[in-house]
Amino acid sequence: MTKILITSALPYVNGVKHLGNLVGSLLPADVHARFRRQIGCDVLFICATDEHGTPAELGAIEAGQDVRAFCDAQHAVQAAIYRRFGLSFDHFGRTSAPHNHALTQHFYRRLDAAGFIEERTSRRVWSPVDRRFLPDRFVLGTCPHCGDRSARGDQCDHCGTLLDPPELIEPRSALSGDRALEIRDSRHLFLRQSQLVEKIGAWIDSRGGWPPLRGVDREELAQCGLARSLRHARPRLGHYRAARGF
C-alpha cells in the first residue's frame, strides 16, 4: 500500500477565510486526498491554522485581545467552518502546538548541524515610541512605485510590488503611528538555500513526468535565503519558528 502525505497551504489565523481561500488551496488538496483513498492509498491529510508571524499579532491588536486568546478563538472558528464544509482532514491542528514546536526544532537542529544556518546582521526598522523592531507588515507608508498611501513594508496591495520597509515614503508604525522611525542593526538567522540549489535541482531533474524547473526558479532558490530571515528564531526562548524562507 502506497503511503501518501498531503498538506495544503496553512490558512492564517487572522479572520474568517473567504471562498477563494477554500477553492485555491484547501479544496484541491481535499479532492486529491479523497481520490488517493479511493484507489487504496494510505493517506495522511493534514492542515493547521498558521498562528505565527505578524498577521496573528495585528489581528489580535485589531480585536483588542492578547495573541493567545485571539488565536484560540479564531482556530475554533476556522476548524468549525472546515468541518461544516466536510473537508476530510485526518488532522487539523495549530502551528502553536507543542508537537509542532518540537518538530520545527528538530529540522532547525538538523539544518544547523549541516551548516545551513547562518547568523547575519541586517538593517531593520526601529520605533522609538513602540520600543521595538517592526516587522515589515508593521510599517505603513506611501508606495514609491504607484503612490498608494496604504502600502505595507512587504508589499503594496494596490500595484502588487514587493517592498522592503526602507523603500516606503513617509513610513509610520502600524502600532502607534510613530513617524520617527530609525534604521538599526539587528541579528537574524538565515537559511543558506544557495547551498542546496544543485542538490535540489538534480533531484527534481531526476523525477520522471515532471515539468522542467525553470532557470528563474533555481535563481530564486539561491537568493531566497538572503532575503528571508528566520526572524523569530531565538534559542533562548526554547523554540524556533519557521518563516516562509525556511
Protein backbone atom coordinates (compact mmCIF):
# COMPACT_ATOMS: atom_id res chain seq x y z
CA MET A 1 0.00 0.00 0.00
CA THR A 2 1.37 3.39 -1.04
CA LYS A 3 1.71 5.92 1.76
CA ILE A 4 0.69 9.45 0.74
CA LEU A 5 1.19 12.63 2.78
CA ILE A 6 -0.98 15.55 1.64
CA THR A 7 -0.83 19.06 3.04
CA SER A 8 -2.38 22.31 1.90
CA ALA A 9 -1.32 25.91 2.40
CA LEU A 10 -1.91 26.80 6.04
CA PRO A 11 -4.61 29.47 6.45
CA TYR A 12 -3.56 32.43 8.56
CA VAL A 13 -5.42 32.58 11.85
CA ASN A 14 -6.36 36.26 11.46
CA GLY A 15 -10.00 36.24 10.44
CA VAL A 16 -12.50 34.01 8.71
CA LYS A 17 -11.32 32.85 5.30
CA HIS A 18 -13.33 33.51 2.14
CA LEU A 19 -14.34 31.07 -0.59
CA GLY A 20 -11.25 31.98 -2.61
CA ASN A 21 -9.05 30.56 0.15
CA LEU A 22 -11.11 27.39 0.17
CA VAL A 23 -11.11 26.90 -3.60
CA GLY A 24 -7.50 27.98 -4.09
CA SER A 25 -5.76 25.63 -1.66
CA LEU A 26 -7.90 23.59 0.72
CA LEU A 27 -10.42 22.11 -1.72
CA PRO A 28 -7.88 20.85 -4.33
CA ALA A 29 -5.92 19.09 -1.58
CA ASP A 30 -9.13 17.57 -0.23
CA VAL A 31 -10.14 16.29 -3.68
CA HIS A 32 -6.73 14.71 -4.15
CA ALA A 33 -6.87 13.11 -0.69
CA ARG A 34 -10.27 11.57 -1.47
CA PHE A 35 -9.03 10.27 -4.82
CA ARG A 36 -5.97 8.66 -3.23
CA ARG A 37 -8.08 6.98 -0.56
CA GLN A 38 -10.46 5.61 -3.21
CA ILE A 39 -7.62 3.92 -5.11
CA GLY A 40 -6.39 2.26 -1.92
CA CYS A 41 -3.57 4.51 -0.74
CA ASP A 42 -2.77 5.01 2.93
CA VAL A 43 -3.37 8.78 3.14
CA LEU A 44 -2.45 11.29 5.82
CA PHE A 45 -4.11 14.64 5.05
CA ILE A 46 -3.11 17.39 7.47
CA CYS A 47 -3.52 21.14 7.82
CA ALA A 48 -3.50 23.78 10.56
CA THR A 49 -4.08 27.42 11.37
CA ASP A 50 -0.87 29.45 10.98
CA GLU A 51 -0.53 31.29 14.30
CA HIS A 52 2.99 32.68 13.89
CA GLY A 53 4.09 35.94 12.34
CA THR A 54 2.73 39.45 12.08
CA PRO A 55 -0.81 38.60 10.80
CA ALA A 56 -1.70 36.97 14.13
CA GLU A 57 -0.29 39.86 16.15
CA LEU A 58 -2.01 42.51 14.02
CA GLY A 59 -5.29 40.58 14.14
CA ALA A 60 -5.09 40.43 17.93
CA ILE A 61 -4.42 44.16 18.16
CA GLU A 62 -7.42 44.94 15.95
CA ALA A 63 -9.61 42.63 18.05
CA GLY A 64 -8.37 44.11 21.32
CA GLN A 65 -7.17 40.72 22.58
CA ASP A 66 -3.85 39.20 23.55
CA VAL A 67 -2.39 36.97 20.87
CA ARG A 68 -3.08 33.68 22.66
CA ALA A 69 -6.76 34.44 23.27
CA PHE A 70 -7.18 35.68 19.70
CA CYS A 71 -5.58 32.56 18.21
CA ASP A 72 -7.63 30.25 20.45
CA ALA A 73 -10.88 31.87 19.31
CA GLN A 74 -10.01 32.08 15.62
CA HIS A 75 -8.73 28.50 15.44
CA ALA A 76 -12.04 27.26 16.84
CA VAL A 77 -13.96 29.34 14.26
CA GLN A 78 -11.91 28.12 11.31
CA ALA A 79 -11.92 24.48 12.40
CA ALA A 80 -15.72 24.58 12.72
CA ILE A 81 -16.10 26.08 9.25
CA TYR A 82 -13.97 23.39 7.62
CA ARG A 83 -15.91 20.68 9.45
CA ARG A 84 -19.18 22.11 8.12
CA PHE A 85 -17.76 22.14 4.60
CA GLY A 86 -16.91 18.46 5.06
CA LEU A 87 -13.18 18.70 4.38
CA SER A 88 -11.62 15.31 5.06
CA PHE A 89 -8.58 16.32 7.13
CA ASP A 90 -7.08 13.50 9.15
CA HIS A 91 -5.72 16.19 11.44
CA PHE A 92 -6.40 19.93 11.58
CA GLY A 93 -4.05 21.43 14.12
CA ARG A 94 -2.20 24.59 15.08
CA THR A 95 1.33 25.81 14.45
CA SER A 96 1.41 26.87 18.11
CA ALA A 97 1.03 23.25 19.30
CA PRO A 98 3.91 21.80 21.35
CA HIS A 99 4.44 18.92 18.93
CA ASN A 100 4.85 21.40 16.07
CA HIS A 101 7.44 23.32 18.10
CA ALA A 102 9.31 20.07 18.70
CA LEU A 103 9.22 19.14 15.01
CA THR A 104 10.43 22.61 14.00
CA GLN A 105 13.29 22.38 16.50
CA HIS A 106 14.23 19.01 15.03
CA PHE A 107 14.51 20.38 11.50
CA TYR A 108 16.30 23.52 12.70
CA ARG A 109 18.93 21.50 14.56
CA ARG A 110 19.50 19.18 11.60
CA LEU A 111 19.96 22.19 9.30
CA ASP A 112 22.22 23.93 11.78
CA ALA A 113 24.38 20.84 12.27
CA ALA A 114 24.76 20.55 8.49
CA GLY A 115 25.96 24.15 8.24
CA PHE A 116 22.85 25.54 6.54
CA ILE A 117 22.03 28.16 9.20
CA GLU A 118 23.98 31.40 9.34
CA GLU A 119 23.65 34.42 11.62
CA ARG A 120 23.90 37.77 9.88
CA THR A 121 23.38 41.40 10.76
CA SER A 122 20.80 43.26 8.71
CA ARG A 123 19.25 46.70 8.80
CA ARG A 124 15.75 46.81 10.32
CA VAL A 125 13.20 49.43 11.25
CA TRP A 126 13.15 50.50 14.89
CA SER A 127 10.32 52.51 16.51
CA PRO A 128 11.38 54.67 19.48
CA VAL A 129 7.74 55.01 20.55
CA ASP A 130 6.96 51.28 20.38
CA ARG A 131 10.47 50.46 21.66
CA ARG A 132 10.83 47.51 19.31
CA PHE A 133 11.90 46.46 15.85
CA LEU A 134 8.97 46.49 13.48
CA PRO A 135 8.39 43.51 11.15
CA ASP A 136 7.70 44.55 7.57
CA ARG A 137 3.91 44.42 7.93
CA PHE A 138 4.10 46.71 10.94
CA VAL A 139 5.43 49.51 8.74
CA LEU A 140 2.97 51.51 6.62
CA GLY A 141 3.64 54.31 4.14
CA THR A 142 3.41 55.53 0.57
CA CYS A 143 4.40 53.16 -2.23
CA PRO A 144 7.40 54.54 -4.16
CA HIS A 145 6.10 52.94 -7.37
CA CYS A 146 2.41 53.85 -7.58
CA GLY A 147 1.96 56.42 -4.80
CA ASP A 148 -0.66 54.45 -2.86
CA ARG A 149 -0.64 55.69 0.74
CA SER A 150 -1.62 52.38 2.35
CA ALA A 151 1.35 50.28 1.27
CA ARG A 152 2.93 47.90 3.79
CA GLY A 153 6.60 47.25 4.36
CA ASP A 154 6.42 43.93 2.49
CA GLN A 155 4.09 44.74 -0.40
CA CYS A 156 1.86 47.34 -1.98
CA ASP A 157 -1.54 45.73 -2.47
CA HIS A 158 -2.52 48.44 -4.95
CA CYS A 159 0.16 47.72 -7.57
CA GLY A 160 1.42 44.36 -6.27
CA THR A 161 5.07 45.41 -5.96
CA LEU A 162 7.14 43.62 -3.31
CA LEU A 163 8.83 46.10 -0.98
CA ASP A 164 11.26 46.44 1.90
CA PRO A 165 10.29 48.86 4.72
CA PRO A 166 13.08 51.40 4.00
CA GLU A 167 11.65 51.89 0.48
CA LEU A 168 8.39 53.36 1.77
CA ILE A 169 7.85 57.11 1.57
CA GLU A 170 6.90 58.72 4.89
CA PRO A 171 6.86 55.38 6.77
CA ARG A 172 4.96 55.05 10.04
CA SER A 173 4.36 52.38 12.66
CA ALA A 174 1.16 50.37 12.23
CA LEU A 175 1.05 50.03 16.03
CA SER A 176 1.43 53.61 17.26
CA GLY A 177 1.63 55.77 14.15
CA ASP A 178 5.20 56.71 15.11
CA ARG A 179 6.91 58.50 12.20
CA ALA A 180 10.29 58.98 13.87
CA LEU A 181 11.43 55.56 12.71
CA GLU A 182 15.10 54.59 12.67
CA ILE A 183 17.14 52.00 10.79
CA ARG A 184 19.23 49.92 13.19
CA ASP A 185 21.33 46.78 13.01
CA SER A 186 19.59 43.58 14.04
CA ARG A 187 20.88 39.99 14.16
CA HIS A 188 18.93 37.30 12.34
CA LEU A 189 19.29 33.68 11.33
CA PHE A 190 19.24 32.83 7.63
CA LEU A 191 18.77 29.56 5.77
CA ARG A 192 21.62 29.18 3.26
CA GLN A 193 19.40 27.92 0.45
CA SER A 194 22.11 28.72 -2.08
CA GLN A 195 23.97 25.65 -0.75
CA LEU A 196 21.05 23.41 -1.73
CA VAL A 197 20.41 24.58 -5.30
CA GLU A 198 22.40 21.91 -7.14
CA LYS A 199 21.20 19.01 -4.97
CA ILE A 200 17.53 20.02 -5.19
CA GLY A 201 17.85 20.76 -8.90
CA ALA A 202 19.37 17.34 -9.58
CA TRP A 203 16.62 15.63 -7.59
CA ILE A 204 13.86 17.48 -9.49
CA ASP A 205 15.51 16.71 -12.83
CA SER A 206 15.53 13.02 -11.91
CA ARG A 207 11.76 12.86 -11.40
CA GLY A 208 10.04 11.37 -14.42
CA GLY A 209 6.89 13.05 -15.70
CA TRP A 210 7.54 16.39 -14.00
CA PRO A 211 7.69 19.64 -15.99
CA PRO A 212 11.24 21.05 -16.09
CA LEU A 213 12.18 23.54 -13.37
CA ARG A 214 12.62 26.97 -14.94
CA GLY A 215 16.02 28.63 -14.57
CA VAL A 216 14.45 31.60 -12.78
CA ASP A 217 13.19 29.25 -10.09
CA ARG A 218 16.70 27.97 -9.43
CA GLU A 219 17.94 31.55 -9.17
CA GLU A 220 15.17 32.46 -6.75
CA LEU A 221 16.00 29.41 -4.63
CA ALA A 222 19.63 30.52 -4.45
CA GLN A 223 18.72 34.04 -3.37
CA CYS A 224 15.78 33.36 -1.10
CA GLY A 225 17.95 32.67 1.92
CA LEU A 226 19.48 36.13 1.56
CA ALA A 227 16.15 37.91 1.68
CA ARG A 228 14.14 35.96 4.25
CA SER A 229 15.44 35.56 7.74
CA LEU A 230 14.15 33.29 10.44
CA ARG A 231 13.04 36.43 12.22
CA HIS A 232 11.55 34.71 15.24
CA ALA A 233 14.24 32.08 15.79
CA ARG A 234 15.63 32.61 19.29
CA PRO A 235 17.46 29.74 21.03
CA ARG A 236 16.97 31.34 24.46
CA LEU A 237 13.19 31.02 24.06
CA GLY A 238 13.41 27.30 23.61
CA HIS A 239 11.65 27.00 20.27
CA TYR A 240 12.08 28.09 16.69
CA ARG A 241 9.52 29.48 14.32
CA ALA A 242 9.76 28.71 10.63
CA ALA A 243 9.39 31.72 8.37
CA ARG A 244 8.42 31.48 4.70
CA GLY A 245 12.01 31.03 3.65
CA PHE A 246 12.57 28.03 5.93
